[in-house]
Amino acid sequence: DTVRDFWRGQDHGIAEFASRLTGSS
């Protein structure tokens, strides 16, 4: 959900995208 939202330009901020990119610690 986060990666889809990021690339379709949803305004959810980038912190969660960064978390998902790095393994969802």
mmCIF file of all heavy atoms, coordinates in Angstrom:
data_MODEL
# 
_entry.id   MODEL 
# 
loop_
_atom_site.group_PDB 
_atom_site.id 
_atom_site.type_symbol 
_atom_site.label_atom_id 
_atom_site.label_alt_id 
_atom_site.label_comp_id 
_atom_site.label_asym_id 
_atom_site.label_entity_id 
_atom_site.label_seq_id 
_atom_site.pdbx_PDB_ins_code 
_atom_site.Cartn_x 
_atom_site.Cartn_y 
_atom_site.Cartn_z 
_atom_site.occupancy 
_atom_site.B_iso_or_equiv 
_atom_site.pdbx_formal_charge 
_atom_site.auth_seq_id 
_atom_site.auth_comp_id 
_atom_site.auth_asym_id 
_atom_site.auth_atom_id 
_atom_site.pdbx_PDB_model_num 
ATOM 1   N N   . ASP A 1 1  ? 0.823  -1.210 0.000  1.00 0.00 ? 1  ASP A N   1 
ATOM 2   C CA  . ASP A 1 1  ? 0.000  0.000  0.000  1.00 0.00 ? 1  ASP A CA  1 
ATOM 3   C C   . ASP A 1 1  ? 0.857  1.260  0.000  1.00 0.00 ? 1  ASP A C   1 
ATOM 4   O O   . ASP A 1 1  ? 0.555  2.232  -0.710 1.00 0.00 ? 1  ASP A O   1 
ATOM 5   C CB  . ASP A 1 1  ? -0.924 -0.001 1.222  1.00 0.00 ? 1  ASP A CB  1 
ATOM 6   C CG  . ASP A 1 1  ? -1.943 -1.133 1.188  1.00 0.00 ? 1  ASP A CG  1 
ATOM 7   O OD1 . ASP A 1 1  ? -2.118 -1.742 0.112  1.00 0.00 ? 1  ASP A OD1 1 
ATOM 8   O OD2 . ASP A 1 1  ? -2.543 -1.417 2.241  1.00 0.00 ? 1  ASP A OD2 1 
ATOM 9   N N   . THR A 1 2  ? 1.933  1.255  0.777  1.00 0.00 ? 2  THR A N   1 
ATOM 10  C CA  . THR A 1 2  ? 2.770  2.446  0.889  1.00 0.00 ? 2  THR A CA  1 
ATOM 11  C C   . THR A 1 2  ? 3.501  2.733  -0.412 1.00 0.00 ? 2  THR A C   1 
ATOM 12  O O   . THR A 1 2  ? 3.556  3.888  -0.870 1.00 0.00 ? 2  THR A O   1 
ATOM 13  C CB  . THR A 1 2  ? 3.787  2.276  2.030  1.00 0.00 ? 2  THR A CB  1 
ATOM 14  O OG1 . THR A 1 2  ? 3.080  2.103  3.259  1.00 0.00 ? 2  THR A OG1 1 
ATOM 15  C CG2 . THR A 1 2  ? 4.698  3.483  2.146  1.00 0.00 ? 2  THR A CG2 1 
ATOM 16  N N   . VAL A 1 3  ? 4.077  1.712  -1.023 1.00 0.00 ? 3  VAL A N   1 
ATOM 17  C CA  . VAL A 1 3  ? 4.820  1.917  -2.271 1.00 0.00 ? 3  VAL A CA  1 
ATOM 18  C C   . VAL A 1 3  ? 3.879  2.342  -3.388 1.00 0.00 ? 3  VAL A C   1 
ATOM 19  O O   . VAL A 1 3  ? 4.197  3.235  -4.194 1.00 0.00 ? 3  VAL A O   1 
ATOM 20  C CB  . VAL A 1 3  ? 5.606  0.645  -2.633 1.00 0.00 ? 3  VAL A CB  1 
ATOM 21  C CG1 . VAL A 1 3  ? 6.206  0.747  -4.030 1.00 0.00 ? 3  VAL A CG1 1 
ATOM 22  C CG2 . VAL A 1 3  ? 6.695  0.391  -1.607 1.00 0.00 ? 3  VAL A CG2 1 
ATOM 23  N N   . ARG A 1 4  ? 2.703  1.734  -3.464 1.00 0.00 ? 4  ARG A N   1 
ATOM 24  C CA  . ARG A 1 4  ? 1.724  2.173  -4.467 1.00 0.00 ? 4  ARG A CA  1 
ATOM 25  C C   . ARG A 1 4  ? 1.346  3.641  -4.250 1.00 0.00 ? 4  ARG A C   1 
ATOM 26  O O   . ARG A 1 4  ? 1.282  4.424  -5.204 1.00 0.00 ? 4  ARG A O   1 
ATOM 27  C CB  . ARG A 1 4  ? 0.474  1.298  -4.394 1.00 0.00 ? 4  ARG A CB  1 
ATOM 28  C CG  . ARG A 1 4  ? 0.644  -0.105 -4.934 1.00 0.00 ? 4  ARG A CG  1 
ATOM 29  C CD  . ARG A 1 4  ? -0.694 -0.839 -4.935 1.00 0.00 ? 4  ARG A CD  1 
ATOM 30  N NE  . ARG A 1 4  ? -0.601 -2.175 -5.497 1.00 0.00 ? 4  ARG A NE  1 
ATOM 31  C CZ  . ARG A 1 4  ? -1.650 -2.927 -5.818 1.00 0.00 ? 4  ARG A CZ  1 
ATOM 32  N NH1 . ARG A 1 4  ? -2.873 -2.467 -5.621 1.00 0.00 ? 4  ARG A NH1 1 
ATOM 33  N NH2 . ARG A 1 4  ? -1.486 -4.119 -6.339 1.00 0.00 ? 4  ARG A NH2 1 
ATOM 34  N N   . ASP A 1 5  ? 1.068  4.007  -3.004 1.00 0.00 ? 5  ASP A N   1 
ATOM 35  C CA  . ASP A 1 5  ? 0.664  5.385  -2.717 1.00 0.00 ? 5  ASP A CA  1 
ATOM 36  C C   . ASP A 1 5  ? 1.775  6.371  -3.056 1.00 0.00 ? 5  ASP A C   1 
ATOM 37  O O   . ASP A 1 5  ? 1.527  7.451  -3.603 1.00 0.00 ? 5  ASP A O   1 
ATOM 38  C CB  . ASP A 1 5  ? 0.277  5.527  -1.241 1.00 0.00 ? 5  ASP A CB  1 
ATOM 39  C CG  . ASP A 1 5  ? -1.133 5.043  -0.955 1.00 0.00 ? 5  ASP A CG  1 
ATOM 40  O OD1 . ASP A 1 5  ? -1.889 4.819  -1.918 1.00 0.00 ? 5  ASP A OD1 1 
ATOM 41  O OD2 . ASP A 1 5  ? -1.466 4.886  0.235  1.00 0.00 ? 5  ASP A OD2 1 
ATOM 42  N N   . PHE A 1 6  ? 3.008  6.019  -2.734 1.00 0.00 ? 6  PHE A N   1 
ATOM 43  C CA  . PHE A 1 6  ? 4.119  6.923  -3.008 1.00 0.00 ? 6  PHE A CA  1 
ATOM 44  C C   . PHE A 1 6  ? 4.223  7.207  -4.493 1.00 0.00 ? 6  PHE A C   1 
ATOM 45  O O   . PHE A 1 6  ? 4.300  8.374  -4.914 1.00 0.00 ? 6  PHE A O   1 
ATOM 46  C CB  . PHE A 1 6  ? 5.425  6.317  -2.489 1.00 0.00 ? 6  PHE A CB  1 
ATOM 47  C CG  . PHE A 1 6  ? 6.634  7.154  -2.784 1.00 0.00 ? 6  PHE A CG  1 
ATOM 48  C CD1 . PHE A 1 6  ? 6.924  8.272  -2.017 1.00 0.00 ? 6  PHE A CD1 1 
ATOM 49  C CD2 . PHE A 1 6  ? 7.487  6.829  -3.840 1.00 0.00 ? 6  PHE A CD2 1 
ATOM 50  C CE1 . PHE A 1 6  ? 8.039  9.062  -2.293 1.00 0.00 ? 6  PHE A CE1 1 
ATOM 51  C CE2 . PHE A 1 6  ? 8.604  7.599  -4.113 1.00 0.00 ? 6  PHE A CE2 1 
ATOM 52  C CZ  . PHE A 1 6  ? 8.880  8.720  -3.349 1.00 0.00 ? 6  PHE A CZ  1 
ATOM 53  N N   . TRP A 1 7  ? 4.190  6.181  -5.311 1.00 0.00 ? 7  TRP A N   1 
ATOM 54  C CA  . TRP A 1 7  ? 4.411  6.396  -6.738 1.00 0.00 ? 7  TRP A CA  1 
ATOM 55  C C   . TRP A 1 7  ? 3.190  6.943  -7.457 1.00 0.00 ? 7  TRP A C   1 
ATOM 56  O O   . TRP A 1 7  ? 3.322  7.459  -8.571 1.00 0.00 ? 7  TRP A O   1 
ATOM 57  C CB  . TRP A 1 7  ? 4.919  5.118  -7.400 1.00 0.00 ? 7  TRP A CB  1 
ATOM 58  C CG  . TRP A 1 7  ? 6.358  4.877  -7.089 1.00 0.00 ? 7  TRP A CG  1 
ATOM 59  C CD1 . TRP A 1 7  ? 6.898  3.867  -6.364 1.00 0.00 ? 7  TRP A CD1 1 
ATOM 60  C CD2 . TRP A 1 7  ? 7.461  5.702  -7.483 1.00 0.00 ? 7  TRP A CD2 1 
ATOM 61  N NE1 . TRP A 1 7  ? 8.260  3.994  -6.267 1.00 0.00 ? 7  TRP A NE1 1 
ATOM 62  C CE2 . TRP A 1 7  ? 8.635  5.123  -6.952 1.00 0.00 ? 7  TRP A CE2 1 
ATOM 63  C CE3 . TRP A 1 7  ? 7.575  6.888  -8.219 1.00 0.00 ? 7  TRP A CE3 1 
ATOM 64  C CZ2 . TRP A 1 7  ? 9.895  5.682  -7.148 1.00 0.00 ? 7  TRP A CZ2 1 
ATOM 65  C CZ3 . TRP A 1 7  ? 8.830  7.444  -8.406 1.00 0.00 ? 7  TRP A CZ3 1 
ATOM 66  C CH2 . TRP A 1 7  ? 9.973  6.844  -7.883 1.00 0.00 ? 7  TRP A CH2 1 
ATOM 67  N N   . ARG A 1 8  ? 2.005  6.873  -6.854 1.00 0.00 ? 8  ARG A N   1 
ATOM 68  C CA  . ARG A 1 8  ? 0.868  7.551  -7.489 1.00 0.00 ? 8  ARG A CA  1 
ATOM 69  C C   . ARG A 1 8  ? 0.692  8.967  -6.948 1.00 0.00 ? 8  ARG A C   1 
ATOM 70  O O   . ARG A 1 8  ? -0.259 9.659  -7.318 1.00 0.00 ? 8  ARG A O   1 
ATOM 71  C CB  . ARG A 1 8  ? -0.417 6.737  -7.322 1.00 0.00 ? 8  ARG A CB  1 
ATOM 72  C CG  . ARG A 1 8  ? -0.991 6.665  -5.917 1.00 0.00 ? 8  ARG A CG  1 
ATOM 73  C CD  . ARG A 1 8  ? -2.148 5.684  -5.860 1.00 0.00 ? 8  ARG A CD  1 
ATOM 74  N NE  . ARG A 1 8  ? -2.708 5.574  -4.520 1.00 0.00 ? 8  ARG A NE  1 
ATOM 75  C CZ  . ARG A 1 8  ? -3.967 5.879  -4.205 1.00 0.00 ? 8  ARG A CZ  1 
ATOM 76  N NH1 . ARG A 1 8  ? -4.813 6.308  -5.120 1.00 0.00 ? 8  ARG A NH1 1 
ATOM 77  N NH2 . ARG A 1 8  ? -4.393 5.746  -2.962 1.00 0.00 ? 8  ARG A NH2 1 
ATOM 78  N N   . GLY A 1 9  ? 1.620  9.402  -6.057 1.00 0.00 ? 9  GLY A N   1 
ATOM 79  C CA  . GLY A 1 9  ? 1.665  10.794 -5.648 1.00 0.00 ? 9  GLY A CA  1 
ATOM 80  C C   . GLY A 1 9  ? 0.735  11.171 -4.525 1.00 0.00 ? 9  GLY A C   1 
ATOM 81  O O   . GLY A 1 9  ? 0.355  12.342 -4.398 1.00 0.00 ? 9  GLY A O   1 
ATOM 82  N N   . GLN A 1 10 ? 0.382  10.216 -3.668 1.00 0.00 ? 10 GLN A N   1 
ATOM 83  C CA  . GLN A 1 10 ? -0.479 10.532 -2.530 1.00 0.00 ? 10 GLN A CA  1 
ATOM 84  C C   . GLN A 1 10 ? 0.312  11.273 -1.449 1.00 0.00 ? 10 GLN A C   1 
ATOM 85  O O   . GLN A 1 10 ? 1.474  10.969 -1.191 1.00 0.00 ? 10 GLN A O   1 
ATOM 86  C CB  . GLN A 1 10 ? -1.068 9.250  -1.941 1.00 0.00 ? 10 GLN A CB  1 
ATOM 87  C CG  . GLN A 1 10 ? -2.077 8.586  -2.846 1.00 0.00 ? 10 GLN A CG  1 
ATOM 88  C CD  . GLN A 1 10 ? -3.291 9.460  -3.113 1.00 0.00 ? 10 GLN A CD  1 
ATOM 89  O OE1 . GLN A 1 10 ? -4.064 9.749  -2.213 1.00 0.00 ? 10 GLN A OE1 1 
ATOM 90  N NE2 . GLN A 1 10 ? -3.453 9.895  -4.346 1.00 0.00 ? 10 GLN A NE2 1 
ATOM 91  N N   . ASP A 1 11 ? -0.321 12.240 -0.819 1.00 0.00 ? 11 ASP A N   1 
ATOM 92  C CA  . ASP A 1 11 ? 0.336  13.063 0.196  1.00 0.00 ? 11 ASP A CA  1 
ATOM 93  C C   . ASP A 1 11 ? 0.286  12.391 1.563  1.00 0.00 ? 11 ASP A C   1 
ATOM 94  O O   . ASP A 1 11 ? -0.427 12.813 2.462  1.00 0.00 ? 11 ASP A O   1 
ATOM 95  C CB  . ASP A 1 11 ? -0.326 14.451 0.262  1.00 0.00 ? 11 ASP A CB  1 
ATOM 96  C CG  . ASP A 1 11 ? -0.046 15.264 -0.978 1.00 0.00 ? 11 ASP A CG  1 
ATOM 97  O OD1 . ASP A 1 11 ? 0.986  15.015 -1.618 1.00 0.00 ? 11 ASP A OD1 1 
ATOM 98  O OD2 . ASP A 1 11 ? -0.860 16.145 -1.308 1.00 0.00 ? 11 ASP A OD2 1 
ATOM 99  N N   . HIS A 1 12 ? 1.046  11.321 1.724  1.00 0.00 ? 12 HIS A N   1 
ATOM 100 C CA  . HIS A 1 12 ? 1.129  10.643 3.015  1.00 0.00 ? 12 HIS A CA  1 
ATOM 101 C C   . HIS A 1 12 ? 2.484  10.872 3.676  1.00 0.00 ? 12 HIS A C   1 
ATOM 102 O O   . HIS A 1 12 ? 2.773  10.271 4.705  1.00 0.00 ? 12 HIS A O   1 
ATOM 103 C CB  . HIS A 1 12 ? 0.910  9.135  2.836  1.00 0.00 ? 12 HIS A CB  1 
ATOM 104 C CG  . HIS A 1 12 ? -0.470 8.785  2.375  1.00 0.00 ? 12 HIS A CG  1 
ATOM 105 N ND1 . HIS A 1 12 ? -1.594 9.438  2.808  1.00 0.00 ? 12 HIS A ND1 1 
ATOM 106 C CD2 . HIS A 1 12 ? -0.905 7.841  1.503  1.00 0.00 ? 12 HIS A CD2 1 
ATOM 107 C CE1 . HIS A 1 12 ? -2.664 8.914  2.231  1.00 0.00 ? 12 HIS A CE1 1 
ATOM 108 N NE2 . HIS A 1 12 ? -2.274 7.939  1.425  1.00 0.00 ? 12 HIS A NE2 1 
ATOM 109 N N   . GLY A 1 13 ? 3.308  11.716 3.074  1.00 0.00 ? 13 GLY A N   1 
ATOM 110 C CA  . GLY A 1 13 ? 4.643  11.894 3.613  1.00 0.00 ? 13 GLY A CA  1 
ATOM 111 C C   . GLY A 1 13 ? 5.554  10.764 3.176  1.00 0.00 ? 13 GLY A C   1 
ATOM 112 O O   . GLY A 1 13 ? 5.121  9.764  2.598  1.00 0.00 ? 13 GLY A O   1 
ATOM 113 N N   . ILE A 1 14 ? 6.831  10.906 3.489  1.00 0.00 ? 14 ILE A N   1 
ATOM 114 C CA  . ILE A 1 14 ? 7.820  9.957  2.993  1.00 0.00 ? 14 ILE A CA  1 
ATOM 115 C C   . ILE A 1 14 ? 8.409  9.070  4.087  1.00 0.00 ? 14 ILE A C   1 
ATOM 116 O O   . ILE A 1 14 ? 9.173  8.157  3.799  1.00 0.00 ? 14 ILE A O   1 
ATOM 117 C CB  . ILE A 1 14 ? 8.954  10.706 2.266  1.00 0.00 ? 14 ILE A CB  1 
ATOM 118 C CG1 . ILE A 1 14 ? 9.540  11.790 3.171  1.00 0.00 ? 14 ILE A CG1 1 
ATOM 119 C CG2 . ILE A 1 14 ? 8.449  11.278 0.954  1.00 0.00 ? 14 ILE A CG2 1 
ATOM 120 C CD1 . ILE A 1 14 ? 10.707 12.510 2.553  1.00 0.00 ? 14 ILE A CD1 1 
ATOM 121 N N   . ALA A 1 15 ? 8.055  9.335  5.341  1.00 0.00 ? 15 ALA A N   1 
ATOM 122 C CA  . ALA A 1 15 ? 8.639  8.548  6.434  1.00 0.00 ? 15 ALA A CA  1 
ATOM 123 C C   . ALA A 1 15 ? 8.259  7.073  6.319  1.00 0.00 ? 15 ALA A C   1 
ATOM 124 O O   . ALA A 1 15 ? 9.102  6.189  6.502  1.00 0.00 ? 15 ALA A O   1 
ATOM 125 C CB  . ALA A 1 15 ? 8.210  9.110  7.778  1.00 0.00 ? 15 ALA A CB  1 
ATOM 126 N N   . GLU A 1 16 ? 6.991  6.798  6.024  1.00 0.00 ? 16 GLU A N   1 
ATOM 127 C CA  . GLU A 1 16 ? 6.585  5.394  5.933  1.00 0.00 ? 16 GLU A CA  1 
ATOM 128 C C   . GLU A 1 16 ? 7.203  4.741  4.707  1.00 0.00 ? 16 GLU A C   1 
ATOM 129 O O   . GLU A 1 16 ? 7.592  3.568  4.753  1.00 0.00 ? 16 GLU A O   1 
ATOM 130 C CB  . GLU A 1 16 ? 5.067  5.257  5.900  1.00 0.00 ? 16 GLU A CB  1 
ATOM 131 C CG  . GLU A 1 16 ? 4.640  3.800  5.968  1.00 0.00 ? 16 GLU A CG  1 
ATOM 132 C CD  . GLU A 1 16 ? 3.159  3.592  6.220  1.00 0.00 ? 16 GLU A CD  1 
ATOM 133 O OE1 . GLU A 1 16 ? 2.430  4.594  6.349  1.00 0.00 ? 16 GLU A OE1 1 
ATOM 134 O OE2 . GLU A 1 16 ? 2.747  2.430  6.286  1.00 0.00 ? 16 GLU A OE2 1 
ATOM 135 N N   . PHE A 1 17 ? 7.325  5.474  3.602  1.00 0.00 ? 17 PHE A N   1 
ATOM 136 C CA  . PHE A 1 17 ? 7.993  4.920  2.423  1.00 0.00 ? 17 PHE A CA  1 
ATOM 137 C C   . PHE A 1 17 ? 9.426  4.517  2.773  1.00 0.00 ? 17 PHE A C   1 
ATOM 138 O O   . PHE A 1 17 ? 9.897  3.443  2.394  1.00 0.00 ? 17 PHE A O   1 
ATOM 139 C CB  . PHE A 1 17 ? 7.984  5.939  1.283  1.00 0.00 ? 17 PHE A CB  1 
ATOM 140 C CG  . PHE A 1 17 ? 8.722  5.493  0.063  1.00 0.00 ? 17 PHE A CG  1 
ATOM 141 C CD1 . PHE A 1 17 ? 8.171  4.564  -0.812 1.00 0.00 ? 17 PHE A CD1 1 
ATOM 142 C CD2 . PHE A 1 17 ? 9.987  5.989  -0.220 1.00 0.00 ? 17 PHE A CD2 1 
ATOM 143 C CE1 . PHE A 1 17 ? 8.860  4.143  -1.942 1.00 0.00 ? 17 PHE A CE1 1 
ATOM 144 C CE2 . PHE A 1 17 ? 10.687 5.574  -1.350 1.00 0.00 ? 17 PHE A CE2 1 
ATOM 145 C CZ  . PHE A 1 17 ? 10.116 4.652  -2.212 1.00 0.00 ? 17 PHE A CZ  1 
ATOM 146 N N   . ALA A 1 18 ? 10.117 5.366  3.518  1.00 0.00 ? 18 ALA A N   1 
ATOM 147 C CA  . ALA A 1 18 ? 11.488 5.065  3.924  1.00 0.00 ? 18 ALA A CA  1 
ATOM 148 C C   . ALA A 1 18 ? 11.535 3.812  4.794  1.00 0.00 ? 18 ALA A C   1 
ATOM 149 O O   . ALA A 1 18 ? 12.444 2.975  4.672  1.00 0.00 ? 18 ALA A O   1 
ATOM 150 C CB  . ALA A 1 18 ? 12.090 6.254  4.664  1.00 0.00 ? 18 ALA A CB  1 
ATOM 151 N N   . SER A 1 19 ? 10.557 3.658  5.678  1.00 0.00 ? 19 SER A N   1 
ATOM 152 C CA  . SER A 1 19 ? 10.510 2.477  6.537  1.00 0.00 ? 19 SER A CA  1 
ATOM 153 C C   . SER A 1 19 ? 10.302 1.212  5.726  1.00 0.00 ? 19 SER A C   1 
ATOM 154 O O   . SER A 1 19 ? 10.954 0.186  5.963  1.00 0.00 ? 19 SER A O   1 
ATOM 155 C CB  . SER A 1 19 ? 9.396  2.632  7.575  1.00 0.00 ? 19 SER A CB  1 
ATOM 156 O OG  . SER A 1 19 ? 9.297  1.478  8.379  1.00 0.00 ? 19 SER A OG  1 
ATOM 157 N N   . ARG A 1 20 ? 9.387  1.268  4.757  1.00 0.00 ? 20 ARG A N   1 
ATOM 158 C CA  . ARG A 1 20 ? 9.128  0.079  3.936  1.00 0.00 ? 20 ARG A CA  1 
ATOM 159 C C   . ARG A 1 20 ? 10.347 -0.259 3.076  1.00 0.00 ? 20 ARG A C   1 
ATOM 160 O O   . ARG A 1 20 ? 10.675 -1.428 2.885  1.00 0.00 ? 20 ARG A O   1 
ATOM 161 C CB  . ARG A 1 20 ? 7.900  0.300  3.049  1.00 0.00 ? 20 ARG A CB  1 
ATOM 162 C CG  . ARG A 1 20 ? 6.645  0.647  3.805  1.00 0.00 ? 20 ARG A CG  1 
ATOM 163 C CD  . ARG A 1 20 ? 6.182  -0.441 4.758  1.00 0.00 ? 20 ARG A CD  1 
ATOM 164 N NE  . ARG A 1 20 ? 5.354  0.127  5.832  1.00 0.00 ? 20 ARG A NE  1 
ATOM 165 C CZ  . ARG A 1 20 ? 5.659  0.101  7.093  1.00 0.00 ? 20 ARG A CZ  1 
ATOM 166 N NH1 . ARG A 1 20 ? 6.768  -0.484 7.506  1.00 0.00 ? 20 ARG A NH1 1 
ATOM 167 N NH2 . ARG A 1 20 ? 4.867  0.649  7.995  1.00 0.00 ? 20 ARG A NH2 1 
ATOM 168 N N   . LEU A 1 21 ? 11.023 0.764  2.573  1.00 0.00 ? 21 LEU A N   1 
ATOM 169 C CA  . LEU A 1 21 ? 12.198 0.550  1.735  1.00 0.00 ? 21 LEU A CA  1 
ATOM 170 C C   . LEU A 1 21 ? 13.307 -0.164 2.494  1.00 0.00 ? 21 LEU A C   1 
ATOM 171 O O   . LEU A 1 21 ? 14.068 -0.946 1.915  1.00 0.00 ? 21 LEU A O   1 
ATOM 172 C CB  . LEU A 1 21 ? 12.694 1.901  1.210  1.00 0.00 ? 21 LEU A CB  1 
ATOM 173 C CG  . LEU A 1 21 ? 13.847 1.884  0.209  1.00 0.00 ? 21 LEU A CG  1 
ATOM 174 C CD1 . LEU A 1 21 ? 13.359 1.417  -1.151 1.00 0.00 ? 21 LEU A CD1 1 
ATOM 175 C CD2 . LEU A 1 21 ? 14.466 3.273  0.097  1.00 0.00 ? 21 LEU A CD2 1 
ATOM 176 N N   . THR A 1 22 ? 13.384 0.071  3.778  1.00 0.00 ? 22 THR A N   1 
ATOM 177 C CA  . THR A 1 22 ? 14.491 -0.458 4.582  1.00 0.00 ? 22 THR A CA  1 
ATOM 178 C C   . THR A 1 22 ? 14.109 -1.670 5.420  1.00 0.00 ? 22 THR A C   1 
ATOM 179 O O   . THR A 1 22 ? 14.797 -2.022 6.370  1.00 0.00 ? 22 THR A O   1 
ATOM 180 C CB  . THR A 1 22 ? 15.054 0.645  5.492  1.00 0.00 ? 22 THR A CB  1 
ATOM 181 O OG1 . THR A 1 22 ? 13.985 1.230  6.256  1.00 0.00 ? 22 THR A OG1 1 
ATOM 182 C CG2 . THR A 1 22 ? 15.723 1.732  4.671  1.00 0.00 ? 22 THR A CG2 1 
ATOM 183 N N   . GLY A 1 23 ? 13.005 -2.340 5.095  1.00 0.00 ? 23 GLY A N   1 
ATOM 184 C CA  . GLY A 1 23 ? 12.697 -3.618 5.725  1.00 0.00 ? 23 GLY A CA  1 
ATOM 185 C C   . GLY A 1 23 ? 11.602 -3.602 6.768  1.00 0.00 ? 23 GLY A C   1 
ATOM 186 O O   . GLY A 1 23 ? 11.370 -4.609 7.424  1.00 0.00 ? 23 GLY A O   1 
ATOM 187 N N   . SER A 1 24 ? 10.941 -2.446 6.976  1.00 0.00 ? 24 SER A N   1 
ATOM 188 C CA  . SER A 1 24 ? 9.807  -2.363 7.905  1.00 0.00 ? 24 SER A CA  1 
ATOM 189 C C   . SER A 1 24 ? 10.202 -2.762 9.318  1.00 0.00 ? 24 SER A C   1 
ATOM 190 O O   . SER A 1 24 ? 9.587  -3.623 9.955  1.00 0.00 ? 24 SER A O   1 
ATOM 191 C CB  . SER A 1 24 ? 8.627  -3.218 7.415  1.00 0.00 ? 24 SER A CB  1 
ATOM 192 O OG  . SER A 1 24 ? 8.133  -2.764 6.176  1.00 0.00 ? 24 SER A OG  1 
ATOM 193 N N   . SER A 1 25 ? 11.228 -2.102 9.838  1.00 0.00 ? 25 SER A N   1 
ATOM 194 C CA  . SER A 1 25 ? 11.677 -2.410 11.203 1.00 0.00 ? 25 SER A CA  1 
ATOM 195 C C   . SER A 1 25 ? 10.591 -2.119 12.226 1.00 0.00 ? 25 SER A C   1 
ATOM 196 O O   . SER A 1 25 ? 10.551 -2.757 13.288 1.00 0.00 ? 25 SER A O   1 
ATOM 197 C CB  . SER A 1 25 ? 12.940 -1.612 11.538 1.00 0.00 ? 25 SER A CB  1 
ATOM 198 O OG  . SER A 1 25 ? 12.694 -0.221 11.452 1.00 0.00 ? 25 SER A OG  1 
# 
